[in-house]
Amino acid sequence: MKDPRKPTDAELAILRVLWARGPSTVREVAEEMGREGAYTTVLKFLQIMTEKHLVRRDDSERTHVYEAVYSESQTHRQIVTELLDRVFDGSAAKLVLQALAAGKASPEELAEIRKLVDKHSGGRR
């Protein structure tokens, strides 16, 4: 069964704004996304995201303020876990190998990956 909290691509775009800005109004989110003319669309997405418990709304003031319920890291972990299970039979190695085969890792990212591998293997190579 699909996790109702899993954000769609459009919802992820909104979450990225909220993670970067912190709690924000609909207008602020729309402006940050370059979608000032799509206020009602952004509002509708935020209402749906509130129902899905992806964001919470503070309606104590006249202008409602939205904030992400889960951190960026928690959301990434949830999406990767689902991807691991659904596509890679739970194998982190298969996921990492495919990600590296795509050739999009920078030298800095590769160095960070090496550090993580060393940490998880007890420093052995």
N, C-alpha and C. Protein backbone atom coordinates (compact mmCIF):
# COMPACT_ATOMS: atom_id res chain seq x y z
N MET A 1 0.85 -1.18 0.00
CA MET A 1 0.00 0.00 0.00
C MET A 1 0.89 1.24 0.00
N LYS A 2 0.51 2.23 -0.76
CA LYS A 2 1.24 3.48 -0.87
C LYS A 2 1.11 4.29 0.42
N ASP A 3 2.23 4.82 0.89
CA ASP A 3 2.23 5.63 2.11
C ASP A 3 1.58 6.98 1.81
N PRO A 4 0.49 7.30 2.52
CA PRO A 4 -0.20 8.57 2.24
C PRO A 4 0.65 9.79 2.57
N ARG A 5 1.72 9.62 3.34
CA ARG A 5 2.57 10.75 3.69
C ARG A 5 3.67 10.98 2.66
N LYS A 6 3.82 10.05 1.72
CA LYS A 6 4.87 10.21 0.72
C LYS A 6 4.52 11.40 -0.18
N PRO A 7 5.39 12.39 -0.21
CA PRO A 7 5.08 13.59 -1.01
C PRO A 7 5.23 13.34 -2.51
N THR A 8 4.36 13.98 -3.26
CA THR A 8 4.46 13.99 -4.72
C THR A 8 5.58 14.96 -5.11
N ASP A 9 5.91 15.02 -6.39
CA ASP A 9 6.94 15.95 -6.85
C ASP A 9 6.57 17.40 -6.54
N ALA A 10 5.32 17.75 -6.78
CA ALA A 10 4.86 19.13 -6.50
C ALA A 10 4.92 19.42 -5.01
N GLU A 11 4.56 18.45 -4.19
CA GLU A 11 4.61 18.64 -2.73
C GLU A 11 6.06 18.76 -2.27
N LEU A 12 6.96 18.00 -2.88
CA LEU A 12 8.39 18.12 -2.53
C LEU A 12 8.92 19.52 -2.84
N ALA A 13 8.46 20.10 -3.94
CA ALA A 13 8.89 21.46 -4.28
C ALA A 13 8.47 22.44 -3.18
N ILE A 14 7.27 22.27 -2.67
CA ILE A 14 6.78 23.13 -1.59
C ILE A 14 7.56 22.85 -0.31
N LEU A 15 7.81 21.58 -0.01
CA LEU A 15 8.58 21.23 1.19
C LEU A 15 9.98 21.83 1.12
N ARG A 16 10.60 21.83 -0.05
CA ARG A 16 11.94 22.42 -0.18
C ARG A 16 11.93 23.90 0.22
N VAL A 17 10.87 24.59 -0.17
CA VAL A 17 10.74 26.00 0.21
C VAL A 17 10.61 26.11 1.73
N LEU A 18 9.76 25.28 2.33
CA LEU A 18 9.56 25.35 3.78
C LEU A 18 10.81 24.95 4.55
N TRP A 19 11.56 23.97 4.06
CA TRP A 19 12.81 23.60 4.72
C TRP A 19 13.83 24.73 4.64
N ALA A 20 13.88 25.42 3.52
CA ALA A 20 14.85 26.51 3.34
C ALA A 20 14.44 27.76 4.11
N ARG A 21 13.16 28.12 4.06
CA ARG A 21 12.67 29.37 4.66
C ARG A 21 12.22 29.21 6.10
N GLY A 22 11.77 28.02 6.46
CA GLY A 22 11.11 27.84 7.74
C GLY A 22 9.63 28.16 7.56
N PRO A 23 8.90 28.30 8.65
CA PRO A 23 7.46 28.56 8.56
C PRO A 23 7.16 29.74 7.64
N SER A 24 6.18 29.54 6.73
CA SER A 24 5.91 30.54 5.70
C SER A 24 4.42 30.60 5.38
N THR A 25 4.00 31.75 4.88
CA THR A 25 2.62 31.91 4.42
C THR A 25 2.50 31.33 3.00
N VAL A 26 1.28 31.17 2.54
CA VAL A 26 1.04 30.69 1.17
C VAL A 26 1.71 31.64 0.17
N ARG A 27 1.53 32.93 0.37
CA ARG A 27 2.10 33.92 -0.54
C ARG A 27 3.62 33.81 -0.59
N GLU A 28 4.26 33.64 0.57
CA GLU A 28 5.72 33.51 0.61
C GLU A 28 6.18 32.26 -0.14
N VAL A 29 5.46 31.16 0.04
CA VAL A 29 5.82 29.93 -0.67
C VAL A 29 5.67 30.13 -2.17
N ALA A 30 4.55 30.70 -2.58
CA ALA A 30 4.29 30.93 -4.01
C ALA A 30 5.36 31.84 -4.61
N GLU A 31 5.73 32.90 -3.91
CA GLU A 31 6.76 33.82 -4.41
C GLU A 31 8.10 33.13 -4.52
N GLU A 32 8.46 32.37 -3.51
CA GLU A 32 9.75 31.66 -3.52
C GLU A 32 9.83 30.67 -4.68
N MET A 33 8.70 30.10 -5.03
CA MET A 33 8.64 29.13 -6.14
C MET A 33 8.53 29.82 -7.49
N GLY A 34 8.40 31.15 -7.49
CA GLY A 34 8.21 31.88 -8.73
C GLY A 34 6.83 31.65 -9.32
N ARG A 35 5.85 31.41 -8.43
CA ARG A 35 4.48 31.10 -8.87
C ARG A 35 3.49 32.06 -8.23
N GLU A 36 3.84 33.34 -8.21
CA GLU A 36 3.00 34.34 -7.56
C GLU A 36 1.57 34.31 -8.08
N GLY A 37 1.40 34.04 -9.37
CA GLY A 37 0.06 34.01 -9.97
C GLY A 37 -0.70 32.73 -9.69
N ALA A 38 -0.07 31.79 -9.00
CA ALA A 38 -0.70 30.49 -8.72
C ALA A 38 -1.02 30.34 -7.23
N TYR A 39 -1.38 31.44 -6.60
CA TYR A 39 -1.65 31.44 -5.16
C TYR A 39 -2.64 30.35 -4.78
N THR A 40 -3.76 30.27 -5.49
CA THR A 40 -4.80 29.29 -5.10
C THR A 40 -4.33 27.86 -5.31
N THR A 41 -3.48 27.63 -6.30
CA THR A 41 -2.93 26.28 -6.52
C THR A 41 -2.02 25.89 -5.37
N VAL A 42 -1.15 26.81 -4.98
CA VAL A 42 -0.24 26.54 -3.85
C VAL A 42 -1.06 26.34 -2.58
N LEU A 43 -2.08 27.15 -2.38
CA LEU A 43 -2.96 27.00 -1.22
C LEU A 43 -3.60 25.61 -1.21
N LYS A 44 -4.11 25.17 -2.34
CA LYS A 44 -4.76 23.87 -2.42
C LYS A 44 -3.76 22.75 -2.09
N PHE A 45 -2.55 22.85 -2.63
CA PHE A 45 -1.53 21.86 -2.30
C PHE A 45 -1.24 21.85 -0.81
N LEU A 46 -1.12 23.01 -0.20
CA LEU A 46 -0.84 23.08 1.24
C LEU A 46 -2.00 22.50 2.06
N GLN A 47 -3.23 22.71 1.60
CA GLN A 47 -4.38 22.11 2.29
C GLN A 47 -4.32 20.58 2.22
N ILE A 48 -4.00 20.06 1.04
CA ILE A 48 -3.88 18.61 0.88
C ILE A 48 -2.73 18.09 1.74
N MET A 49 -1.61 18.82 1.74
CA MET A 49 -0.45 18.41 2.52
C MET A 49 -0.74 18.45 4.02
N THR A 50 -1.63 19.35 4.45
CA THR A 50 -2.04 19.38 5.85
C THR A 50 -2.83 18.12 6.19
N GLU A 51 -3.72 17.73 5.29
CA GLU A 51 -4.50 16.49 5.49
C GLU A 51 -3.60 15.26 5.52
N LYS A 52 -2.54 15.27 4.73
CA LYS A 52 -1.60 14.15 4.68
C LYS A 52 -0.59 14.20 5.83
N HIS A 53 -0.66 15.22 6.66
CA HIS A 53 0.26 15.43 7.78
C HIS A 53 1.70 15.63 7.33
N LEU A 54 1.86 16.25 6.16
CA LEU A 54 3.19 16.63 5.69
C LEU A 54 3.57 18.02 6.19
N VAL A 55 2.55 18.88 6.38
CA VAL A 55 2.76 20.22 6.93
C VAL A 55 1.73 20.44 8.03
N ARG A 56 2.06 21.39 8.89
CA ARG A 56 1.07 21.81 9.90
C ARG A 56 0.80 23.28 9.67
N ARG A 57 -0.43 23.68 9.99
CA ARG A 57 -0.85 25.06 9.75
C ARG A 57 -1.09 25.74 11.09
N ASP A 58 -0.49 26.89 11.25
CA ASP A 58 -0.74 27.73 12.42
C ASP A 58 -1.78 28.77 11.99
N ASP A 59 -2.99 28.60 12.48
CA ASP A 59 -4.05 29.53 12.10
C ASP A 59 -4.41 30.47 13.24
N SER A 60 -3.44 30.72 14.12
CA SER A 60 -3.69 31.62 15.24
C SER A 60 -3.74 33.08 14.79
N GLU A 61 -3.12 33.39 13.67
CA GLU A 61 -3.16 34.73 13.11
C GLU A 61 -4.08 34.74 11.90
N ARG A 62 -4.38 35.92 11.40
CA ARG A 62 -5.25 36.04 10.23
C ARG A 62 -4.63 35.35 9.02
N THR A 63 -3.33 35.54 8.81
CA THR A 63 -2.61 34.89 7.72
C THR A 63 -2.05 33.58 8.24
N HIS A 64 -2.47 32.45 7.66
CA HIS A 64 -2.02 31.15 8.11
C HIS A 64 -0.56 30.93 7.72
N VAL A 65 0.14 30.28 8.62
CA VAL A 65 1.56 29.98 8.39
C VAL A 65 1.71 28.46 8.39
N TYR A 66 2.43 27.96 7.39
CA TYR A 66 2.64 26.53 7.23
C TYR A 66 4.10 26.19 7.52
N GLU A 67 4.30 25.00 8.10
CA GLU A 67 5.65 24.50 8.30
C GLU A 67 5.67 23.00 8.08
N ALA A 68 6.83 22.49 7.67
CA ALA A 68 6.98 21.06 7.41
C ALA A 68 6.89 20.30 8.74
N VAL A 69 6.18 19.19 8.73
CA VAL A 69 6.09 18.33 9.92
C VAL A 69 7.38 17.54 10.08
N TYR A 70 7.91 17.02 8.96
CA TYR A 70 9.11 16.19 9.00
C TYR A 70 10.29 16.98 8.43
N SER A 71 11.46 16.74 8.97
CA SER A 71 12.66 17.41 8.48
C SER A 71 13.01 16.89 7.09
N GLU A 72 13.86 17.61 6.43
CA GLU A 72 14.33 17.20 5.10
C GLU A 72 14.98 15.81 5.19
N SER A 73 15.79 15.61 6.21
CA SER A 73 16.48 14.33 6.39
C SER A 73 15.48 13.18 6.61
N GLN A 74 14.47 13.40 7.44
CA GLN A 74 13.46 12.36 7.68
C GLN A 74 12.72 12.01 6.39
N THR A 75 12.40 13.02 5.61
CA THR A 75 11.69 12.80 4.35
C THR A 75 12.57 12.05 3.36
N HIS A 76 13.83 12.45 3.26
CA HIS A 76 14.75 11.74 2.37
C HIS A 76 14.86 10.27 2.78
N ARG A 77 15.00 10.03 4.06
CA ARG A 77 15.14 8.66 4.56
C ARG A 77 13.91 7.83 4.21
N GLN A 78 12.73 8.41 4.36
CA GLN A 78 11.49 7.69 4.05
C GLN A 78 11.43 7.34 2.56
N ILE A 79 11.78 8.29 1.71
CA ILE A 79 11.73 8.07 0.27
C ILE A 79 12.77 7.03 -0.15
N VAL A 80 13.98 7.13 0.40
CA VAL A 80 15.03 6.17 0.05
C VAL A 80 14.66 4.76 0.55
N THR A 81 14.11 4.67 1.74
CA THR A 81 13.70 3.36 2.26
C THR A 81 12.66 2.72 1.36
N GLU A 82 11.70 3.51 0.91
CA GLU A 82 10.66 3.00 0.02
C GLU A 82 11.28 2.59 -1.31
N LEU A 83 12.19 3.38 -1.82
CA LEU A 83 12.87 3.07 -3.08
C LEU A 83 13.71 1.78 -2.94
N LEU A 84 14.43 1.67 -1.83
CA LEU A 84 15.23 0.47 -1.56
C LEU A 84 14.36 -0.78 -1.61
N ASP A 85 13.25 -0.73 -0.90
CA ASP A 85 12.36 -1.89 -0.81
C ASP A 85 11.69 -2.19 -2.16
N ARG A 86 11.22 -1.17 -2.83
CA ARG A 86 10.42 -1.35 -4.04
C ARG A 86 11.28 -1.70 -5.26
N VAL A 87 12.44 -1.09 -5.39
CA VAL A 87 13.23 -1.23 -6.60
C VAL A 87 14.46 -2.12 -6.42
N PHE A 88 15.10 -2.06 -5.25
CA PHE A 88 16.37 -2.73 -5.05
C PHE A 88 16.31 -3.89 -4.06
N ASP A 89 15.13 -4.42 -3.80
CA ASP A 89 14.96 -5.56 -2.88
C ASP A 89 15.65 -5.33 -1.54
N GLY A 90 15.65 -4.09 -1.08
CA GLY A 90 16.23 -3.76 0.22
C GLY A 90 17.74 -3.66 0.23
N SER A 91 18.39 -3.74 -0.91
CA SER A 91 19.86 -3.72 -0.99
C SER A 91 20.39 -2.30 -1.16
N ALA A 92 21.03 -1.80 -0.11
CA ALA A 92 21.65 -0.47 -0.18
C ALA A 92 22.80 -0.48 -1.18
N ALA A 93 23.50 -1.59 -1.27
CA ALA A 93 24.63 -1.69 -2.20
C ALA A 93 24.15 -1.50 -3.64
N LYS A 94 23.05 -2.16 -4.00
CA LYS A 94 22.53 -2.02 -5.37
C LYS A 94 22.15 -0.57 -5.65
N LEU A 95 21.53 0.09 -4.68
CA LEU A 95 21.14 1.49 -4.85
C LEU A 95 22.37 2.36 -5.06
N VAL A 96 23.37 2.21 -4.21
CA VAL A 96 24.56 3.04 -4.29
C VAL A 96 25.30 2.78 -5.60
N LEU A 97 25.42 1.51 -5.99
CA LEU A 97 26.10 1.19 -7.24
C LEU A 97 25.40 1.82 -8.43
N GLN A 98 24.07 1.78 -8.45
CA GLN A 98 23.33 2.40 -9.55
C GLN A 98 23.48 3.92 -9.53
N ALA A 99 23.46 4.48 -8.34
CA ALA A 99 23.62 5.94 -8.22
C ALA A 99 25.00 6.36 -8.72
N LEU A 100 26.03 5.60 -8.36
CA LEU A 100 27.38 5.95 -8.81
C LEU A 100 27.56 5.68 -10.30
N ALA A 101 26.91 4.65 -10.82
CA ALA A 101 26.99 4.34 -12.25
C ALA A 101 26.38 5.46 -13.09
N ALA A 102 25.45 6.21 -12.51
CA ALA A 102 24.84 7.33 -13.22
C ALA A 102 25.86 8.44 -13.45
N GLY A 103 26.97 8.41 -12.70
CA GLY A 103 28.07 9.34 -12.94
C GLY A 103 27.83 10.77 -12.52
N LYS A 104 26.96 10.99 -11.58
CA LYS A 104 26.65 12.37 -11.19
C LYS A 104 27.24 12.78 -9.84
N ALA A 105 28.11 11.94 -9.28
CA ALA A 105 28.70 12.26 -7.98
C ALA A 105 29.93 13.15 -8.18
N SER A 106 29.97 14.24 -7.44
CA SER A 106 31.12 15.14 -7.50
C SER A 106 32.27 14.53 -6.68
N PRO A 107 33.50 15.02 -6.87
CA PRO A 107 34.62 14.52 -6.05
C PRO A 107 34.35 14.69 -4.55
N GLU A 108 33.69 15.78 -4.17
CA GLU A 108 33.37 16.00 -2.76
C GLU A 108 32.38 14.96 -2.25
N GLU A 109 31.39 14.65 -3.08
CA GLU A 109 30.41 13.63 -2.69
C GLU A 109 31.06 12.26 -2.58
N LEU A 110 31.96 11.95 -3.50
CA LEU A 110 32.67 10.67 -3.45
C LEU A 110 33.50 10.56 -2.17
N ALA A 111 34.15 11.67 -1.79
CA ALA A 111 34.93 11.68 -0.55
C ALA A 111 34.03 11.44 0.66
N GLU A 112 32.86 12.04 0.64
CA GLU A 112 31.90 11.85 1.75
C GLU A 112 31.42 10.40 1.79
N ILE A 113 31.19 9.82 0.62
CA ILE A 113 30.77 8.40 0.55
C ILE A 113 31.87 7.51 1.11
N ARG A 114 33.13 7.80 0.75
CA ARG A 114 34.25 7.00 1.27
C ARG A 114 34.31 7.08 2.79
N LYS A 115 34.09 8.28 3.35
CA LYS A 115 34.09 8.44 4.81
C LYS A 115 32.99 7.60 5.45
N LEU A 116 31.80 7.61 4.85
CA LEU A 116 30.69 6.82 5.39
C LEU A 116 30.97 5.33 5.30
N VAL A 117 31.55 4.88 4.19
CA VAL A 117 31.89 3.46 4.03
C VAL A 117 32.92 3.08 5.09
N ASP A 118 33.94 3.91 5.27
CA ASP A 118 34.96 3.64 6.28
C ASP A 118 34.35 3.57 7.67
N LYS A 119 33.45 4.49 7.96
CA LYS A 119 32.82 4.53 9.28
C LYS A 119 31.99 3.26 9.53
N HIS A 120 31.27 2.83 8.51
CA HIS A 120 30.39 1.67 8.68
C HIS A 120 31.14 0.34 8.59
N SER A 121 32.38 0.37 8.07
CA SER A 121 33.15 -0.86 8.00
C SER A 121 34.24 -0.90 9.07
N GLY A 122 34.15 0.00 10.01
CA GLY A 122 35.13 0.03 11.10
C GLY A 122 36.48 0.57 10.69
N GLY A 123 36.52 1.34 9.61
CA GLY A 123 37.76 1.94 9.17
C GLY A 123 38.57 1.05 8.26
N ARG A 124 38.10 -0.17 8.00
CA ARG A 124 38.82 -1.10 7.11
C ARG A 124 38.50 -0.79 5.66
N ARG A 125 39.43 -1.04 4.80
CA ARG A 125 39.21 -0.89 3.36
C ARG A 125 39.25 -2.22 2.71
